[in-house]
Amino acid sequence: MQPLDHPPEIFDRNRRRVLRERAVAQRSDAFLWQHVADELSERLAIVTRRFDRALVIGPLAAHADHILGNRKSEVTPCCIGRTEQPGTIIADEDRLPFAEGSFDLVISGGVLDSVNDLPGSLVQIRRILQPDGLFLGHMFGAGSLFTLKALLMAAEGDRASPHIHPQIDLRNAADLMQRAGFALPVADGDIMAVRYGDWRSIVSDIRAAGIGNALAGSTRYLGKTMPNRIDEEWSRLVDIEGRVEEHFAHIFLSGWAPAPNQPRPARRGSGELSLASALGPKSKS
């Protein structure tokens, strides 16, 4: 058997594009993107240097002004499908059509967790950055939509099939940043808990954000009774207020394109304070 020139792709590129374009057409208030934009804005605010050319990848392009604040950067929006942003470059996140060193700031949000070639995408982002350029990224991480996954699995029983794609955890995200060649890479995260009165509202929010099921392959018809079965499972989870908590795990990434004048991490063992003393009990005054 001959080896494949290109390994099978996990995500359907056309399906991803359709999901994004439908979300844009809905013009819904995707609160998830507002949260991500707020977080990235805070991270960028502590960086004092100037950025002249910024690339914003994914749905966050609509929030570029908020993220950049009063910085007077030239912004290029990039998305996999049509948007309402003027000058948007249409491209897949792992097939970026930009020359090496084109930008000094790249921001990507909400797309890296469903890109077919995540390591390749991160490498491309590093290459299109100028030396000492900054990358700020976001992806949905492991633990997202735990409740919805559990509902679907319980409702389908022995015939359960994947509806939500596998997600990366914080440690693996940090490893990928390092492997992609970023200097001073950082990965951190938070869990957003949202209380819902109906599982259909979860699905509605997912569609509004354009982050639905984009897995490659055929989708199985769930049957007319599936919503009723999910309702039954939902009724077992509700609290006294008739609500169920769902979670969105956010992973935030940052790293710099290598440059000769950058600070280097301290050599292991060079610290003057031991970890034991730093973590030891503090005396009360």
Protein backbone atom coordinates (compact mmCIF):
# COMPACT_ATOMS: atom_id res chain seq x y z
CA MET A 1 0.00 0.00 0.00
CA GLN A 2 1.44 3.35 -1.06
CA PRO A 3 1.73 6.09 1.61
CA LEU A 4 -0.56 9.06 1.21
CA ASP A 5 1.02 12.26 -0.08
CA HIS A 6 -1.33 14.20 2.18
CA PRO A 7 -2.74 12.72 5.40
CA PRO A 8 -6.52 12.78 5.83
CA GLU A 9 -7.80 16.07 7.20
CA ILE A 10 -9.77 16.12 10.45
CA PHE A 11 -11.90 19.12 9.50
CA ASP A 12 -13.94 19.81 6.40
CA ARG A 13 -12.63 23.11 5.04
CA ASN A 14 -15.83 23.94 3.21
CA ARG A 15 -17.95 23.14 6.26
CA ARG A 16 -15.81 25.43 8.41
CA ARG A 17 -16.25 28.23 5.88
CA VAL A 18 -20.03 27.79 5.74
CA LEU A 19 -20.29 27.88 9.54
CA ARG A 20 -18.35 31.15 9.69
CA GLU A 21 -20.31 32.79 6.88
CA ARG A 22 -23.65 31.81 8.42
CA ALA A 23 -22.57 33.32 11.72
CA VAL A 24 -21.66 36.57 9.95
CA ALA A 25 -25.01 36.59 8.14
CA GLN A 26 -26.90 36.18 11.45
CA ARG A 27 -25.30 39.32 12.87
CA SER A 28 -25.81 37.84 16.31
CA ASP A 29 -24.25 39.13 19.51
CA ALA A 30 -21.57 36.47 19.93
CA PHE A 31 -20.65 37.13 23.57
CA LEU A 32 -17.82 34.59 23.31
CA TRP A 33 -15.89 36.84 20.93
CA GLN A 34 -16.44 39.84 23.15
CA HIS A 35 -14.89 37.95 26.05
CA VAL A 36 -11.90 36.88 23.95
CA ALA A 37 -11.47 40.43 22.62
CA ASP A 38 -11.51 41.81 26.17
CA GLU A 39 -8.86 39.33 27.30
CA LEU A 40 -6.56 39.97 24.34
CA SER A 41 -7.00 43.71 24.72
CA GLU A 42 -5.80 43.48 28.33
CA ARG A 43 -2.79 41.40 27.30
CA LEU A 44 -1.84 43.80 24.53
CA ALA A 45 -2.27 46.83 26.80
CA ILE A 46 0.69 45.80 28.96
CA VAL A 47 2.99 45.78 25.89
CA THR A 48 4.41 49.27 25.55
CA ARG A 49 6.03 48.98 22.14
CA ARG A 50 4.56 50.31 18.89
CA PHE A 51 3.04 48.05 16.22
CA ASP A 52 2.68 49.36 12.67
CA ARG A 53 1.20 46.41 10.74
CA ALA A 54 -1.24 44.03 12.38
CA LEU A 55 -2.89 40.89 10.99
CA VAL A 56 -6.11 39.79 12.74
CA ILE A 57 -7.19 36.26 11.86
CA GLY A 58 -10.71 34.90 12.31
CA PRO A 59 -13.90 36.35 13.83
CA LEU A 60 -11.89 38.68 16.06
CA ALA A 61 -11.20 40.88 13.03
CA ALA A 62 -14.58 42.50 13.79
CA HIS A 63 -13.18 43.45 17.23
CA ALA A 64 -9.80 44.71 16.02
CA ASP A 65 -10.40 48.32 17.11
CA HIS A 66 -11.32 47.22 20.61
CA ILE A 67 -8.30 44.93 20.93
CA LEU A 68 -5.82 47.48 19.59
CA GLY A 69 -7.25 50.38 21.58
CA ASN A 70 -5.60 53.67 20.71
CA ARG A 71 -2.75 52.07 18.74
CA LYS A 72 -2.60 53.44 15.21
CA SER A 73 -1.80 50.16 13.48
CA GLU A 74 -2.53 49.29 9.86
CA VAL A 75 -4.88 46.31 10.25
CA THR A 76 -5.34 43.47 7.75
CA PRO A 77 -8.34 41.22 8.51
CA CYS A 78 -8.11 37.57 7.43
CA CYS A 79 -10.90 34.97 7.51
CA ILE A 80 -11.82 31.69 5.84
CA GLY A 81 -15.03 33.13 4.38
CA ARG A 82 -16.80 36.33 3.42
CA THR A 83 -17.17 38.92 6.15
CA GLU A 84 -18.40 42.48 6.49
CA GLN A 85 -14.87 43.71 7.15
CA PRO A 86 -13.53 45.73 4.19
CA GLY A 87 -10.27 44.44 2.76
CA THR A 88 -10.62 40.97 4.27
CA ILE A 89 -8.14 38.42 2.93
CA ILE A 90 -9.88 35.06 2.38
CA ALA A 91 -7.57 32.22 3.41
CA ASP A 92 -7.35 29.13 5.60
CA GLU A 93 -5.38 29.64 8.78
CA ASP A 94 -2.86 26.95 7.81
CA ARG A 95 -2.49 28.37 4.26
CA LEU A 96 -1.66 32.00 4.95
CA PRO A 97 -0.76 33.89 1.72
CA PHE A 98 1.64 36.40 3.28
CA ALA A 99 5.35 36.92 2.77
CA GLU A 100 7.90 36.36 5.49
CA GLY A 101 8.15 39.29 7.87
CA SER A 102 4.96 40.99 6.65
CA PHE A 103 3.61 42.00 10.09
CA ASP A 104 4.88 43.03 13.50
CA LEU A 105 1.68 41.88 15.25
CA VAL A 106 -0.51 38.85 14.52
CA ILE A 107 -3.71 38.15 16.45
CA SER A 108 -5.71 34.96 15.98
CA GLY A 109 -8.82 34.01 17.92
CA GLY A 110 -11.31 31.17 17.93
CA VAL A 111 -9.96 29.30 14.92
CA LEU A 112 -6.78 27.44 15.88
CA ASP A 113 -8.66 24.65 17.67
CA SER A 114 -10.34 23.61 14.41
CA VAL A 115 -7.52 24.14 11.91
CA ASN A 116 -6.31 21.01 10.14
CA ASP A 117 -2.60 21.72 10.56
CA LEU A 118 -2.21 23.49 13.89
CA PRO A 119 1.60 23.09 14.16
CA GLY A 120 1.97 24.30 10.58
CA SER A 121 -0.32 27.25 11.21
CA LEU A 122 1.74 28.38 14.21
CA VAL A 123 4.96 28.06 12.20
CA GLN A 124 3.45 30.15 9.39
CA ILE A 125 2.41 32.83 11.87
CA ARG A 126 5.93 32.99 13.26
CA ARG A 127 7.39 33.29 9.75
CA ILE A 128 5.14 36.14 8.66
CA LEU A 129 6.13 38.09 11.76
CA GLN A 130 9.03 40.50 11.62
CA PRO A 131 11.87 39.78 14.06
CA ASP A 132 10.65 40.65 17.56
CA GLY A 133 7.05 40.70 16.30
CA LEU A 134 4.30 39.62 18.67
CA PHE A 135 1.73 36.85 18.32
CA LEU A 136 -1.40 36.79 20.48
CA GLY A 137 -3.65 33.79 20.03
CA HIS A 138 -6.74 32.12 21.40
CA MET A 139 -8.39 28.74 21.01
CA PHE A 140 -11.13 26.80 22.74
CA GLY A 141 -9.51 24.15 24.88
CA ALA A 142 -10.24 20.78 26.43
CA GLY A 143 -13.26 20.94 28.73
CA SER A 144 -15.31 23.18 26.47
CA LEU A 145 -18.97 22.21 26.02
CA PHE A 146 -18.68 19.39 28.53
CA THR A 147 -22.40 19.49 29.30
CA LEU A 148 -23.51 19.40 25.68
CA LYS A 149 -21.18 16.49 24.96
CA ALA A 150 -22.58 14.56 27.90
CA LEU A 151 -26.16 15.26 26.82
CA LEU A 152 -25.56 14.04 23.28
CA MET A 153 -23.76 10.91 24.41
CA ALA A 154 -26.48 10.02 26.89
CA ALA A 155 -29.27 10.70 24.39
CA GLU A 156 -27.64 8.62 21.64
CA GLY A 157 -26.76 5.71 23.90
CA ASP A 158 -24.83 2.94 22.15
CA ARG A 159 -25.04 4.78 18.81
CA ALA A 160 -23.07 7.83 19.98
CA SER A 161 -21.04 9.61 17.31
CA PRO A 162 -18.76 12.67 17.53
CA HIS A 163 -20.50 16.05 17.23
CA ILE A 164 -17.84 18.20 18.90
CA HIS A 165 -14.25 17.93 17.76
CA PRO A 166 -11.38 16.90 20.05
CA GLN A 167 -9.74 19.83 21.82
CA ILE A 168 -6.22 20.54 22.94
CA ASP A 169 -5.22 21.08 26.57
CA LEU A 170 -3.12 23.87 28.02
CA ARG A 171 0.11 21.88 28.31
CA ASN A 172 0.01 20.70 24.70
CA ALA A 173 -0.75 24.24 23.53
CA ALA A 174 2.38 25.49 25.32
CA ASP A 175 4.46 22.69 23.78
CA LEU A 176 3.24 23.57 20.29
CA MET A 177 4.21 27.22 20.76
CA GLN A 178 7.72 26.16 21.72
CA ARG A 179 8.00 23.70 18.83
CA ALA A 180 6.86 26.40 16.40
CA GLY A 181 9.93 28.43 17.33
CA PHE A 182 8.39 31.31 19.27
CA ALA A 183 10.59 33.10 21.77
CA LEU A 184 9.31 33.56 25.33
CA PRO A 185 6.15 31.51 24.67
CA VAL A 186 3.32 31.68 27.18
CA ALA A 187 0.06 29.73 27.38
CA ASP A 188 -2.60 30.40 29.99
CA GLY A 189 -6.32 29.82 30.23
CA ASP A 190 -9.60 30.40 31.97
CA ILE A 191 -12.95 28.66 32.22
CA MET A 192 -16.10 30.63 31.40
CA ALA A 193 -19.16 29.16 33.09
CA VAL A 194 -22.54 30.07 31.56
CA ARG A 195 -25.88 29.03 33.05
CA TYR A 196 -28.54 28.01 30.54
CA GLY A 197 -32.26 27.36 30.88
CA ASP A 198 -32.43 25.28 27.70
CA TRP A 199 -29.88 23.21 25.77
CA ARG A 200 -31.14 24.80 22.55
CA SER A 201 -29.69 28.10 23.75
CA ILE A 202 -26.26 26.48 23.93
CA VAL A 203 -26.61 25.32 20.34
CA SER A 204 -27.80 28.78 19.33
CA ASP A 205 -24.73 30.43 20.90
CA ILE A 206 -22.43 27.95 19.17
CA ARG A 207 -24.00 28.73 15.81
CA ALA A 208 -23.84 32.47 16.45
CA ALA A 209 -20.10 32.13 17.02
CA GLY A 210 -19.62 29.90 13.98
CA ILE A 211 -17.93 27.14 15.98
CA GLY A 212 -20.24 24.21 15.25
CA ASN A 213 -19.32 20.72 14.09
CA ALA A 214 -16.84 20.99 11.21
CA LEU A 215 -15.49 17.44 11.39
CA ALA A 216 -14.80 15.82 8.04
CA GLY A 217 -16.96 12.94 6.88
CA SER A 218 -20.67 12.37 6.64
CA THR A 219 -22.99 13.47 9.42
CA ARG A 220 -25.47 10.95 10.77
CA TYR A 221 -29.17 11.76 10.94
CA LEU A 222 -30.15 11.77 14.60
CA GLY A 223 -33.85 11.07 14.11
CA LYS A 224 -37.00 12.98 14.97
CA THR A 225 -37.02 11.83 18.59
CA MET A 226 -33.50 13.04 19.37
CA PRO A 227 -34.59 16.48 20.73
CA ASN A 228 -37.04 14.74 23.07
CA ARG A 229 -34.32 12.43 24.36
CA ILE A 230 -32.01 15.39 24.98
CA ASP A 231 -34.87 17.14 26.81
CA GLU A 232 -35.15 14.12 29.09
CA GLU A 233 -31.43 14.13 29.84
CA TRP A 234 -31.51 17.88 30.40
CA SER A 235 -34.30 17.56 32.95
CA ARG A 236 -32.06 15.29 35.01
CA LEU A 237 -29.34 17.95 35.21
CA VAL A 238 -31.27 21.14 36.01
CA ASP A 239 -30.86 22.81 39.38
CA ILE A 240 -33.64 24.29 41.51
CA GLU A 241 -33.73 27.32 39.22
CA GLY A 242 -34.19 25.13 36.16
CA ARG A 243 -30.73 25.86 34.81
CA VAL A 244 -27.63 23.89 33.83
CA GLU A 245 -24.06 25.16 33.75
CA GLU A 246 -22.04 24.89 30.55
CA HIS A 247 -18.35 25.65 30.23
CA PHE A 248 -16.15 27.30 27.61
CA ALA A 249 -12.44 26.69 28.20
CA HIS A 250 -10.31 29.49 26.74
CA ILE A 251 -6.61 29.05 26.01
CA PHE A 252 -4.59 32.20 25.37
CA LEU A 253 -1.21 32.12 23.66
CA SER A 254 1.56 34.67 23.29
CA GLY A 255 5.02 34.54 21.81
CA TRP A 256 7.58 36.62 19.96
CA ALA A 257 9.33 36.05 16.65
CA PRO A 258 12.98 35.45 17.57
CA ALA A 259 15.36 38.40 17.43
CA PRO A 260 19.01 38.76 18.53
CA ASN A 261 18.33 41.44 21.15
CA GLN A 262 15.55 39.61 23.01
CA PRO A 263 15.93 38.61 26.66
CA ARG A 264 16.60 34.96 27.28
CA PRO A 265 14.99 32.76 29.94
CA ALA A 266 17.13 32.49 33.05
CA ARG A 267 19.51 29.53 33.16
CA ARG A 268 18.13 26.67 35.23
CA GLY A 269 19.48 26.83 38.78
CA SER A 270 20.63 30.44 38.47
CA GLY A 271 18.01 31.82 40.87
CA GLU A 272 19.10 32.94 44.31
CA LEU A 273 15.80 31.96 45.97
CA SER A 274 14.88 28.30 46.26
CA LEU A 275 11.45 27.06 45.23
CA ALA A 276 10.98 25.52 48.66
CA SER A 277 11.49 28.83 50.43
CA ALA A 278 9.27 30.67 47.95
CA LEU A 279 6.41 28.23 48.53
CA GLY A 280 6.99 27.76 52.25
CA PRO A 281 4.64 29.07 54.95
CA LYS A 282 4.73 32.79 55.61
CA SER A 283 5.07 34.06 59.16
CA LYS A 284 2.30 36.21 60.55
CA SER A 285 3.15 39.68 61.85
